[in-house]
Amino acid sequence: MANTAKKGFEGLAIYRLSETLADMVWEMVLRWGQLAQDTVGKQLVRAADGIGANIAEGTGRGTYVDHRRFVDMARGSLYETTHWLRRAYRRRLVQAGETTKLKPLLEELKPRLNAYRNSLTARIRRPMRQITNNK
């Protein structure tokens, strides 16, 4: 890929991090048996893919309020991903070494999504402050 700066959601570090997580989950689930893929696997892949999909969709929304709502959904998808990974581990579909690779991504995404959400909240509130300060 060229060294040009990416704009929009593709330039967001949290989006790229979510892509990495989703790709790692995909590769892991591909190695599972049919029953595991059809049950836990599909849910896990959808949840992991949902993180980046919601970040992307939110950037295309017309207002910061809508954008923030999709970041909230991305955060929900992150927690759902954690849930399905826990189920996969308990059902012996995921080895400890695999969770060791995924855990840092999950732990990094949580505060980054919160910070991103907070930045959107600040943008929502900024115009109100300016209006009240001008009166």
N, C-alpha and C. Protein backbone atom coordinates (compact mmCIF):
# COMPACT_ATOMS: atom_id res chain seq x y z
N MET A 1 0.84 -1.17 0.00
CA MET A 1 0.00 0.00 0.00
C MET A 1 0.89 1.24 0.00
N ALA A 2 0.45 2.27 -0.66
CA ALA A 2 1.22 3.50 -0.77
C ALA A 2 1.33 4.18 0.59
N ASN A 3 2.29 5.08 0.72
CA ASN A 3 2.50 5.79 1.97
C ASN A 3 1.63 7.03 2.11
N THR A 4 0.61 7.15 1.32
CA THR A 4 -0.27 8.31 1.42
C THR A 4 -1.12 8.18 2.68
N ALA A 5 -1.42 9.32 3.29
CA ALA A 5 -2.24 9.33 4.50
C ALA A 5 -3.67 8.95 4.15
N LYS A 6 -4.24 8.09 4.95
CA LYS A 6 -5.62 7.68 4.73
C LYS A 6 -6.56 8.65 5.42
N LYS A 7 -7.70 8.88 4.79
CA LYS A 7 -8.69 9.77 5.36
C LYS A 7 -9.91 8.98 5.78
N GLY A 8 -10.74 9.61 6.57
CA GLY A 8 -11.96 8.96 7.02
C GLY A 8 -11.66 7.83 7.99
N PHE A 9 -12.56 6.87 8.03
CA PHE A 9 -12.43 5.78 9.00
C PHE A 9 -11.18 4.96 8.77
N GLU A 10 -10.72 4.85 7.53
CA GLU A 10 -9.54 4.03 7.24
C GLU A 10 -8.27 4.59 7.87
N GLY A 11 -8.26 5.87 8.17
CA GLY A 11 -7.11 6.50 8.79
C GLY A 11 -7.11 6.43 10.31
N LEU A 12 -8.19 5.93 10.89
CA LEU A 12 -8.29 5.85 12.34
C LEU A 12 -7.53 4.64 12.88
N ALA A 13 -6.70 4.88 13.86
CA ALA A 13 -5.94 3.78 14.47
C ALA A 13 -6.88 2.73 15.06
N ILE A 14 -8.00 3.15 15.65
CA ILE A 14 -8.92 2.16 16.23
C ILE A 14 -9.57 1.30 15.15
N TYR A 15 -9.79 1.88 13.98
CA TYR A 15 -10.34 1.08 12.89
C TYR A 15 -9.33 0.03 12.43
N ARG A 16 -8.09 0.45 12.24
CA ARG A 16 -7.05 -0.49 11.81
C ARG A 16 -6.82 -1.58 12.85
N LEU A 17 -6.89 -1.22 14.12
CA LEU A 17 -6.76 -2.19 15.20
C LEU A 17 -7.92 -3.19 15.17
N SER A 18 -9.11 -2.69 14.90
CA SER A 18 -10.28 -3.58 14.82
C SER A 18 -10.16 -4.52 13.63
N GLU A 19 -9.59 -4.05 12.54
CA GLU A 19 -9.36 -4.93 11.38
C GLU A 19 -8.39 -6.06 11.73
N THR A 20 -7.34 -5.71 12.44
CA THR A 20 -6.35 -6.71 12.84
C THR A 20 -7.01 -7.77 13.71
N LEU A 21 -7.80 -7.33 14.68
CA LEU A 21 -8.50 -8.27 15.55
C LEU A 21 -9.44 -9.16 14.74
N ALA A 22 -10.23 -8.57 13.86
CA ALA A 22 -11.20 -9.34 13.06
C ALA A 22 -10.49 -10.35 12.17
N ASP A 23 -9.37 -9.97 11.59
CA ASP A 23 -8.61 -10.89 10.73
C ASP A 23 -8.04 -12.05 11.54
N MET A 24 -7.56 -11.77 12.73
CA MET A 24 -7.01 -12.83 13.58
C MET A 24 -8.12 -13.79 14.02
N VAL A 25 -9.28 -13.25 14.35
CA VAL A 25 -10.42 -14.09 14.73
C VAL A 25 -10.82 -14.97 13.56
N TRP A 26 -10.90 -14.39 12.38
CA TRP A 26 -11.27 -15.15 11.17
C TRP A 26 -10.33 -16.33 10.96
N GLU A 27 -9.04 -16.07 11.01
CA GLU A 27 -8.05 -17.13 10.80
C GLU A 27 -8.18 -18.23 11.85
N MET A 28 -8.48 -17.86 13.06
CA MET A 28 -8.63 -18.81 14.14
C MET A 28 -9.87 -19.69 13.90
N VAL A 29 -10.98 -19.07 13.57
CA VAL A 29 -12.24 -19.81 13.39
C VAL A 29 -12.17 -20.74 12.17
N LEU A 30 -11.40 -20.37 11.16
CA LEU A 30 -11.27 -21.23 9.98
C LEU A 30 -10.72 -22.61 10.33
N ARG A 31 -9.99 -22.73 11.41
CA ARG A 31 -9.38 -24.01 11.81
C ARG A 31 -10.33 -24.88 12.62
N TRP A 32 -11.48 -24.36 12.99
CA TRP A 32 -12.42 -25.11 13.82
C TRP A 32 -13.23 -26.10 12.97
N GLY A 33 -13.84 -27.05 13.65
CA GLY A 33 -14.75 -27.99 13.00
C GLY A 33 -16.07 -27.31 12.63
N GLN A 34 -16.87 -28.03 11.86
CA GLN A 34 -18.13 -27.49 11.32
C GLN A 34 -19.10 -27.03 12.41
N LEU A 35 -19.34 -27.86 13.42
CA LEU A 35 -20.27 -27.49 14.49
C LEU A 35 -19.81 -26.21 15.19
N ALA A 36 -18.55 -26.15 15.54
CA ALA A 36 -18.01 -24.98 16.23
C ALA A 36 -18.10 -23.73 15.35
N GLN A 37 -17.81 -23.86 14.06
CA GLN A 37 -17.92 -22.71 13.15
C GLN A 37 -19.35 -22.23 13.03
N ASP A 38 -20.29 -23.18 12.94
CA ASP A 38 -21.70 -22.82 12.74
C ASP A 38 -22.35 -22.21 13.98
N THR A 39 -21.79 -22.44 15.13
CA THR A 39 -22.39 -21.94 16.36
C THR A 39 -21.58 -20.77 16.90
N VAL A 40 -20.58 -21.04 17.65
CA VAL A 40 -19.76 -20.00 18.27
C VAL A 40 -18.99 -19.20 17.22
N GLY A 41 -18.46 -19.89 16.21
CA GLY A 41 -17.62 -19.24 15.21
C GLY A 41 -18.30 -18.11 14.46
N LYS A 42 -19.50 -18.37 13.98
CA LYS A 42 -20.22 -17.32 13.23
C LYS A 42 -20.53 -16.13 14.11
N GLN A 43 -20.92 -16.39 15.35
CA GLN A 43 -21.21 -15.29 16.27
C GLN A 43 -19.96 -14.48 16.57
N LEU A 44 -18.86 -15.18 16.78
CA LEU A 44 -17.59 -14.52 17.09
C LEU A 44 -17.11 -13.68 15.93
N VAL A 45 -17.15 -14.22 14.73
CA VAL A 45 -16.71 -13.48 13.55
C VAL A 45 -17.59 -12.26 13.32
N ARG A 46 -18.89 -12.42 13.45
CA ARG A 46 -19.81 -11.28 13.26
C ARG A 46 -19.54 -10.18 14.29
N ALA A 47 -19.32 -10.59 15.53
CA ALA A 47 -19.06 -9.59 16.58
C ALA A 47 -17.75 -8.85 16.31
N ALA A 48 -16.70 -9.59 15.98
CA ALA A 48 -15.39 -8.96 15.71
C ALA A 48 -15.47 -8.06 14.48
N ASP A 49 -16.16 -8.50 13.44
CA ASP A 49 -16.32 -7.67 12.24
C ASP A 49 -17.17 -6.43 12.54
N GLY A 50 -18.09 -6.57 13.49
CA GLY A 50 -18.98 -5.46 13.83
C GLY A 50 -18.27 -4.27 14.44
N ILE A 51 -17.14 -4.49 15.06
CA ILE A 51 -16.40 -3.37 15.66
C ILE A 51 -16.00 -2.38 14.57
N GLY A 52 -15.27 -2.85 13.59
CA GLY A 52 -14.83 -1.98 12.51
C GLY A 52 -15.98 -1.48 11.65
N ALA A 53 -16.97 -2.34 11.41
CA ALA A 53 -18.11 -1.94 10.58
C ALA A 53 -18.86 -0.77 11.20
N ASN A 54 -19.03 -0.80 12.51
CA ASN A 54 -19.73 0.31 13.18
C ASN A 54 -18.89 1.58 13.21
N ILE A 55 -17.58 1.43 13.36
CA ILE A 55 -16.71 2.61 13.30
C ILE A 55 -16.83 3.24 11.90
N ALA A 56 -16.77 2.41 10.88
CA ALA A 56 -16.86 2.91 9.51
C ALA A 56 -18.21 3.57 9.25
N GLU A 57 -19.28 2.91 9.65
CA GLU A 57 -20.61 3.47 9.40
C GLU A 57 -20.82 4.77 10.15
N GLY A 58 -20.32 4.83 11.36
CA GLY A 58 -20.47 6.05 12.15
C GLY A 58 -19.82 7.26 11.52
N THR A 59 -18.68 7.06 10.86
CA THR A 59 -18.00 8.21 10.23
C THR A 59 -18.79 8.74 9.05
N GLY A 60 -19.67 7.93 8.51
CA GLY A 60 -20.48 8.36 7.39
C GLY A 60 -21.78 9.04 7.79
N ARG A 61 -22.04 9.13 9.06
CA ARG A 61 -23.28 9.74 9.53
C ARG A 61 -23.16 11.26 9.53
N GLY A 62 -24.30 11.91 9.47
CA GLY A 62 -24.33 13.36 9.30
C GLY A 62 -24.06 14.17 10.55
N THR A 63 -24.22 13.56 11.71
CA THR A 63 -24.02 14.33 12.94
C THR A 63 -23.08 13.58 13.87
N TYR A 64 -22.50 14.34 14.80
CA TYR A 64 -21.64 13.72 15.79
C TYR A 64 -22.45 12.83 16.74
N VAL A 65 -23.72 13.17 16.96
CA VAL A 65 -24.57 12.35 17.82
C VAL A 65 -24.75 10.96 17.19
N ASP A 66 -25.07 10.92 15.89
CA ASP A 66 -25.20 9.64 15.19
C ASP A 66 -23.87 8.88 15.18
N HIS A 67 -22.81 9.62 14.92
CA HIS A 67 -21.48 9.02 14.87
C HIS A 67 -21.17 8.34 16.22
N ARG A 68 -21.45 9.06 17.30
CA ARG A 68 -21.19 8.53 18.63
C ARG A 68 -22.03 7.29 18.91
N ARG A 69 -23.26 7.27 18.42
CA ARG A 69 -24.14 6.11 18.61
C ARG A 69 -23.52 4.86 17.98
N PHE A 70 -22.89 5.02 16.80
CA PHE A 70 -22.24 3.88 16.16
C PHE A 70 -20.97 3.47 16.88
N VAL A 71 -20.29 4.42 17.49
CA VAL A 71 -19.13 4.06 18.32
C VAL A 71 -19.60 3.27 19.53
N ASP A 72 -20.75 3.63 20.08
CA ASP A 72 -21.33 2.85 21.17
C ASP A 72 -21.62 1.41 20.71
N MET A 73 -22.13 1.27 19.49
CA MET A 73 -22.38 -0.07 18.96
C MET A 73 -21.08 -0.83 18.73
N ALA A 74 -20.05 -0.13 18.29
CA ALA A 74 -18.73 -0.77 18.11
C ALA A 74 -18.23 -1.28 19.45
N ARG A 75 -18.44 -0.48 20.48
CA ARG A 75 -18.03 -0.88 21.83
C ARG A 75 -18.83 -2.12 22.28
N GLY A 76 -20.11 -2.14 21.96
CA GLY A 76 -20.92 -3.31 22.26
C GLY A 76 -20.42 -4.54 21.52
N SER A 77 -20.02 -4.37 20.27
CA SER A 77 -19.47 -5.48 19.49
C SER A 77 -18.15 -5.97 20.09
N LEU A 78 -17.37 -5.06 20.63
CA LEU A 78 -16.13 -5.44 21.29
C LEU A 78 -16.41 -6.32 22.50
N TYR A 79 -17.38 -5.92 23.30
CA TYR A 79 -17.73 -6.73 24.47
C TYR A 79 -18.35 -8.06 24.06
N GLU A 80 -19.12 -8.05 22.99
CA GLU A 80 -19.67 -9.31 22.49
C GLU A 80 -18.55 -10.23 22.00
N THR A 81 -17.55 -9.66 21.34
CA THR A 81 -16.39 -10.44 20.90
C THR A 81 -15.72 -11.09 22.10
N THR A 82 -15.55 -10.34 23.16
CA THR A 82 -14.94 -10.87 24.38
C THR A 82 -15.78 -12.02 24.93
N HIS A 83 -17.09 -11.85 24.93
CA HIS A 83 -17.99 -12.91 25.39
C HIS A 83 -17.79 -14.20 24.59
N TRP A 84 -17.80 -14.09 23.25
CA TRP A 84 -17.68 -15.28 22.41
C TRP A 84 -16.30 -15.92 22.51
N LEU A 85 -15.29 -15.11 22.73
CA LEU A 85 -13.96 -15.67 22.95
C LEU A 85 -13.91 -16.46 24.25
N ARG A 86 -14.57 -15.96 25.27
CA ARG A 86 -14.64 -16.68 26.54
C ARG A 86 -15.37 -18.02 26.35
N ARG A 87 -16.47 -18.01 25.60
CA ARG A 87 -17.20 -19.24 25.34
C ARG A 87 -16.32 -20.22 24.55
N ALA A 88 -15.63 -19.70 23.56
CA ALA A 88 -14.75 -20.56 22.75
C ALA A 88 -13.65 -21.17 23.60
N TYR A 89 -13.10 -20.39 24.51
CA TYR A 89 -12.05 -20.90 25.38
C TYR A 89 -12.60 -21.98 26.31
N ARG A 90 -13.74 -21.72 26.91
CA ARG A 90 -14.35 -22.69 27.82
C ARG A 90 -14.74 -23.98 27.10
N ARG A 91 -15.03 -23.87 25.82
CA ARG A 91 -15.41 -25.06 25.04
C ARG A 91 -14.20 -25.69 24.35
N ARG A 92 -13.03 -25.23 24.71
CA ARG A 92 -11.76 -25.76 24.23
C ARG A 92 -11.58 -25.61 22.72
N LEU A 93 -12.14 -24.55 22.16
CA LEU A 93 -11.96 -24.25 20.74
C LEU A 93 -10.74 -23.36 20.52
N VAL A 94 -10.38 -22.63 21.56
CA VAL A 94 -9.27 -21.67 21.51
C VAL A 94 -8.23 -22.11 22.52
N GLN A 95 -7.00 -22.12 22.09
CA GLN A 95 -5.89 -22.47 22.97
C GLN A 95 -5.40 -21.22 23.71
N ALA A 96 -4.75 -21.43 24.83
CA ALA A 96 -4.24 -20.31 25.63
C ALA A 96 -3.32 -19.41 24.82
N GLY A 97 -2.51 -19.98 23.94
CA GLY A 97 -1.61 -19.18 23.11
C GLY A 97 -2.35 -18.23 22.18
N GLU A 98 -3.50 -18.67 21.69
CA GLU A 98 -4.30 -17.81 20.82
C GLU A 98 -4.91 -16.66 21.60
N THR A 99 -5.38 -16.93 22.80
CA THR A 99 -5.95 -15.85 23.60
C THR A 99 -4.88 -14.85 24.02
N THR A 100 -3.66 -15.35 24.20
CA THR A 100 -2.55 -14.46 24.55
C THR A 100 -2.29 -13.45 23.43
N LYS A 101 -2.49 -13.87 22.19
CA LYS A 101 -2.29 -12.96 21.05
C LYS A 101 -3.44 -11.97 20.91
N LEU A 102 -4.66 -12.40 21.23
CA LEU A 102 -5.84 -11.56 21.06
C LEU A 102 -6.05 -10.58 22.22
N LYS A 103 -5.68 -10.98 23.41
CA LYS A 103 -5.95 -10.17 24.60
C LYS A 103 -5.39 -8.75 24.52
N PRO A 104 -4.14 -8.56 24.07
CA PRO A 104 -3.64 -7.18 23.99
C PRO A 104 -4.46 -6.29 23.04
N LEU A 105 -4.96 -6.86 21.96
CA LEU A 105 -5.79 -6.09 21.03
C LEU A 105 -7.10 -5.68 21.69
N LEU A 106 -7.72 -6.62 22.38
CA LEU A 106 -8.97 -6.32 23.08
C LEU A 106 -8.74 -5.26 24.14
N GLU A 107 -7.67 -5.40 24.89
CA GLU A 107 -7.38 -4.44 25.96
C GLU A 107 -7.01 -3.06 25.44
N GLU A 108 -6.43 -3.01 24.26
CA GLU A 108 -6.09 -1.71 23.67
C GLU A 108 -7.32 -1.04 23.06
N LEU A 109 -8.19 -1.83 22.47
CA LEU A 109 -9.38 -1.27 21.83
C LEU A 109 -10.34 -0.62 22.82
N LYS A 110 -10.49 -1.20 24.00
CA LYS A 110 -11.46 -0.68 24.97
C LYS A 110 -11.20 0.79 25.31
N PRO A 111 -10.03 1.15 25.80
CA PRO A 111 -9.82 2.57 26.14
C PRO A 111 -9.78 3.47 24.90
N ARG A 112 -9.32 2.94 23.78
CA ARG A 112 -9.28 3.76 22.57
C ARG A 112 -10.68 4.09 22.07
N LEU A 113 -11.58 3.12 22.12
CA LEU A 113 -12.97 3.39 21.74
C LEU A 113 -13.60 4.39 22.70
N ASN A 114 -13.32 4.26 23.98
CA ASN A 114 -13.85 5.21 24.95
C ASN A 114 -13.31 6.62 24.69
N ALA A 115 -12.03 6.72 24.40
CA ALA A 115 -11.44 8.03 24.11
C ALA A 115 -12.03 8.63 22.83
N TYR A 116 -12.23 7.79 21.84
CA TYR A 116 -12.84 8.25 20.58
C TYR A 116 -14.26 8.74 20.84
N ARG A 117 -15.00 7.99 21.63
CA ARG A 117 -16.36 8.39 21.97
C ARG A 117 -16.34 9.72 22.72
N ASN A 118 -15.43 9.88 23.67
CA ASN A 118 -15.32 11.13 24.43
C ASN A 118 -14.98 12.31 23.52
N SER A 119 -14.15 12.07 22.50
CA SER A 119 -13.82 13.17 21.58
C SER A 119 -15.05 13.59 20.78
N LEU A 120 -15.89 12.62 20.44
CA LEU A 120 -17.13 12.95 19.73
C LEU A 120 -18.09 13.71 20.64
N THR A 121 -18.15 13.31 21.89
CA THR A 121 -19.00 14.01 22.87
C THR A 121 -18.54 15.45 23.02
N ALA A 122 -17.24 15.66 23.06
CA ALA A 122 -16.71 17.03 23.17
C ALA A 122 -17.10 17.85 21.95
N ARG A 123 -17.10 17.24 20.78
CA ARG A 123 -17.49 17.95 19.56
C ARG A 123 -18.98 18.28 19.57
N ILE A 124 -19.78 17.42 20.15
CA ILE A 124 -21.22 17.68 20.26
C ILE A 124 -21.45 18.86 21.17
N ARG A 125 -20.73 18.92 22.26
CA ARG A 125 -20.92 19.97 23.26
C ARG A 125 -20.29 21.30 22.88
N ARG A 126 -19.25 21.27 22.06
CA ARG A 126 -18.51 22.48 21.72
C ARG A 126 -19.40 23.60 21.18
N PRO A 127 -20.26 23.35 20.20
CA PRO A 127 -21.09 24.45 19.69
C PRO A 127 -21.98 25.06 20.77
N MET A 128 -22.48 24.26 21.71
CA MET A 128 -23.33 24.78 22.77
C MET A 128 -22.55 25.75 23.66
N ARG A 129 -21.32 25.42 23.97
CA ARG A 129 -20.48 26.31 24.78
C ARG A 129 -20.25 27.63 24.06
N GLN A 130 -19.97 27.54 22.77
CA GLN A 130 -19.73 28.76 22.00
C GLN A 130 -20.97 29.64 21.97
N ILE A 131 -22.14 29.05 21.84
CA ILE A 131 -23.38 29.82 21.79
C ILE A 131 -23.62 30.50 23.14
N THR A 132 -23.45 29.78 24.24
CA THR A 132 -23.68 30.36 25.56
C THR A 132 -22.64 31.41 25.90
N ASN A 133 -21.42 31.24 25.45
CA ASN A 133 -20.38 32.22 25.74
C ASN A 133 -20.58 33.51 24.96
N ASN A 134 -21.26 33.45 23.84
CA ASN A 134 -21.48 34.65 23.02
C ASN A 134 -22.64 35.49 23.52
N LYS A 135 -23.46 34.99 24.43
CA LYS A 135 -24.62 35.74 24.91
C LYS A 135 -24.26 36.72 25.99
